[in-house]
Protein backbone atom coordinates (compact mmCIF):
# COMPACT_ATOMS: atom_id res chain seq x y z
CA MET A 1 6.19 -34.46 -32.05
CA ARG A 2 9.15 -32.71 -30.45
CA CYS A 3 11.45 -34.86 -28.33
CA PRO A 4 11.50 -33.53 -24.74
CA PHE A 5 15.24 -34.31 -24.47
CA CYS A 6 16.93 -33.24 -27.70
CA LYS A 7 14.12 -30.85 -28.76
CA ASP A 8 14.52 -31.99 -32.35
CA ALA A 9 11.25 -31.22 -34.10
CA LYS A 10 12.42 -32.81 -37.36
CA ALA A 11 13.25 -36.19 -35.87
CA ASP A 12 10.46 -38.70 -35.81
CA SER A 13 9.62 -40.94 -32.88
CA ARG A 14 8.82 -44.62 -32.79
CA VAL A 15 5.95 -45.97 -30.69
CA ILE A 16 7.21 -48.82 -28.55
CA ASP A 17 4.07 -49.54 -26.53
CA SER A 18 0.45 -48.30 -26.46
CA ARG A 19 -2.22 -49.02 -23.92
CA GLU A 20 -5.51 -47.59 -22.75
CA SER A 21 -5.87 -46.04 -19.33
CA GLY A 22 -8.38 -43.80 -17.60
CA GLY A 23 -11.39 -45.92 -18.51
CA GLY A 24 -10.54 -45.99 -22.22
CA PHE A 25 -10.50 -42.20 -22.57
CA VAL A 26 -6.71 -41.86 -22.40
CA ILE A 27 -4.05 -43.61 -24.48
CA ARG A 28 -0.59 -43.99 -22.97
CA ARG A 29 2.21 -44.31 -25.53
CA ARG A 30 5.83 -45.17 -24.82
CA ARG A 31 7.98 -43.56 -27.53
CA GLU A 32 11.61 -43.53 -28.63
CA CYS A 33 13.21 -40.52 -30.35
CA LEU A 34 14.94 -41.62 -33.54
CA ALA A 35 17.50 -38.79 -33.24
CA CYS A 36 18.78 -39.29 -29.66
CA GLN A 37 17.33 -42.78 -28.91
CA ARG A 38 15.92 -41.64 -25.55
CA ARG A 39 12.53 -42.90 -24.44
CA TYR A 40 9.59 -40.91 -23.11
CA THR A 41 5.88 -41.33 -22.44
CA THR A 42 3.01 -39.37 -23.92
CA TYR A 43 -0.65 -39.37 -22.94
CA GLU A 44 -3.32 -38.77 -25.55
CA ARG A 45 -6.91 -37.98 -24.63
CA VAL A 46 -9.61 -38.98 -27.07
CA GLU A 47 -11.27 -35.80 -28.31
CA GLU A 48 -15.00 -36.15 -28.11
CA ALA A 49 -17.79 -33.86 -29.15
CA PRO A 50 -18.83 -31.74 -26.17
CA LEU A 51 -21.83 -33.28 -24.44
CA LYS A 52 -24.46 -31.00 -22.91
CA VAL A 53 -26.84 -31.91 -20.09
CA VAL A 54 -30.38 -30.59 -20.52
CA LYS A 55 -31.69 -29.64 -17.08
CA LYS A 56 -35.35 -29.82 -15.94
CA ASP A 57 -35.81 -26.09 -16.59
CA GLY A 58 -34.37 -26.33 -20.12
CA ARG A 59 -30.93 -24.92 -19.31
CA ARG A 60 -27.98 -26.61 -20.95
CA GLU A 61 -24.62 -27.06 -19.29
CA PRO A 62 -21.52 -29.08 -20.15
CA PHE A 63 -21.46 -32.69 -18.98
CA ASP A 64 -19.15 -32.84 -15.97
CA ARG A 65 -17.95 -36.24 -14.75
CA GLN A 66 -16.72 -34.61 -11.53
CA LYS A 67 -20.30 -33.69 -10.60
CA ILE A 68 -21.23 -37.37 -10.84
CA VAL A 69 -18.23 -38.37 -8.73
CA ALA A 70 -19.08 -35.72 -6.11
CA SER A 71 -22.71 -36.86 -5.84
CA LEU A 72 -21.65 -40.51 -5.62
CA GLU A 73 -19.11 -39.71 -2.91
CA GLY A 74 -21.76 -37.78 -0.98
CA CYS A 75 -24.35 -40.53 -0.95
CA CYS A 76 -21.75 -43.27 -0.35
CA GLN A 77 -20.17 -41.42 2.57
CA LYS A 78 -19.65 -43.70 5.60
CA ARG A 79 -20.80 -46.69 3.56
CA PRO A 80 -18.70 -49.73 2.61
CA VAL A 81 -18.08 -48.36 -0.89
CA SER A 82 -14.46 -47.73 -1.86
CA GLU A 83 -13.12 -44.77 -3.82
CA GLU A 84 -12.18 -47.24 -6.57
CA GLN A 85 -15.80 -48.45 -6.79
CA VAL A 86 -16.98 -44.84 -7.04
CA GLN A 87 -14.48 -44.10 -9.85
CA LEU A 88 -15.40 -47.31 -11.73
CA LEU A 89 -19.09 -46.50 -11.41
CA ALA A 90 -18.48 -42.97 -12.72
CA ASP A 91 -16.53 -44.44 -15.66
CA GLU A 92 -19.38 -46.85 -16.46
CA LEU A 93 -21.97 -44.08 -16.21
CA GLU A 94 -20.01 -41.73 -18.47
CA ARG A 95 -19.42 -44.49 -21.02
CA GLU A 96 -23.11 -45.42 -21.11
CA VAL A 97 -24.25 -41.79 -21.38
CA ARG A 98 -21.87 -41.21 -24.31
CA GLU A 99 -22.94 -44.45 -26.02
CA VAL A 100 -26.63 -43.51 -25.90
CA HIS A 101 -26.42 -39.73 -26.46
CA ASP A 102 -24.24 -37.81 -28.91
CA ARG A 103 -24.71 -34.10 -28.23
CA GLU A 104 -27.32 -33.67 -25.49
CA VAL A 105 -28.48 -35.86 -22.63
CA PRO A 106 -31.50 -35.16 -20.42
CA SER A 107 -30.57 -34.82 -16.75
CA ARG A 108 -33.38 -37.27 -16.00
CA PHE A 109 -31.53 -39.98 -17.99
CA VAL A 110 -28.35 -39.41 -15.98
CA GLY A 111 -30.20 -39.38 -12.65
CA GLU A 112 -32.14 -42.57 -13.37
CA LEU A 113 -28.96 -44.29 -14.54
CA ILE A 114 -27.18 -43.34 -11.32
CA MET A 115 -30.10 -44.59 -9.23
CA ALA A 116 -30.24 -47.93 -11.05
CA ARG A 117 -26.51 -48.52 -10.48
CA LEU A 118 -26.60 -47.38 -6.84
CA ARG A 119 -29.53 -49.67 -6.13
CA GLN A 120 -27.32 -52.63 -7.07
CA LEU A 121 -24.21 -51.28 -5.33
CA ASP A 122 -25.55 -50.10 -1.96
CA PRO A 123 -29.24 -49.74 -0.98
CA VAL A 124 -28.55 -47.04 1.64
CA ALA A 125 -26.56 -44.94 -0.84
CA TYR A 126 -29.41 -45.46 -3.31
CA VAL A 127 -32.02 -44.11 -0.86
CA ARG A 128 -29.77 -41.16 0.01
CA TYR A 129 -29.39 -40.27 -3.67
CA ALA A 130 -33.10 -40.85 -4.39
CA SER A 131 -34.12 -38.56 -1.53
CA VAL A 132 -32.28 -35.65 -3.12
CA TYR A 133 -32.93 -36.55 -6.76
CA ARG A 134 -36.67 -37.08 -6.26
CA GLU A 135 -36.89 -34.21 -3.77
CA PHE A 136 -38.48 -36.10 -0.87
CA ARG A 137 -40.56 -33.77 1.31
CA GLU A 138 -42.31 -36.14 3.72
CA PRO A 139 -41.32 -39.30 5.61
CA GLN A 140 -43.94 -41.09 3.51
CA ASP A 141 -41.75 -40.46 0.45
CA PHE A 142 -38.96 -42.48 2.05
CA LEU A 143 -41.34 -45.33 2.89
CA GLU A 144 -42.59 -45.53 -0.68
CA GLU A 145 -39.01 -45.71 -1.97
CA LEU A 146 -38.00 -48.31 0.63
CA ARG A 147 -41.00 -50.60 0.17
CA PRO A 148 -39.67 -52.35 -3.00
CA LEU A 149 -36.24 -52.74 -1.35
CA LEU A 150 -37.72 -54.41 1.73
CA GLU A 151 -39.96 -56.89 -0.10
CA PRO A 152 -38.45 -60.37 -0.19
CA GLU A 153 -37.38 -61.53 -3.62
CA PRO A 154 -39.41 -64.41 -5.10
CA PRO A 155 -37.55 -67.74 -5.19
CA GLN A 156 -35.60 -68.39 -8.38
CA ALA A 157 -36.76 -71.27 -10.58
CA THR A 158 -33.98 -73.79 -11.18
């Protein structure tokens, strides 16, 4: 690694501190150049095998975390869900998708995972997402989706 200050490619650097950031996908390292003793920070991204999403029609496209974030932001718009919650949810979803699937993931898996998490986070955002994901055409479709949300939960046994 070349020191950004003295530009000495032969000199080695010493790692002073390492920590994860960016949901575990980025490693931040604080380094010290052994030639000039100046300190600098590097960021290393874990290189993962490219993950493809298999769409309903059989097309394959690269997994894009930003698409998940955009859809979450859309359905959570004007709801009491913070940007931080959206980012954390996207991190959790990406981590779970990559734990379960190596090379290809069906879009249905991603959509159902998003719906399950949104159902816990915000019921209105969940219904908004479900209406697009499940392609609601009639008001009856909304009622069928809402019915389980409106039923009172049975009392918990203690």
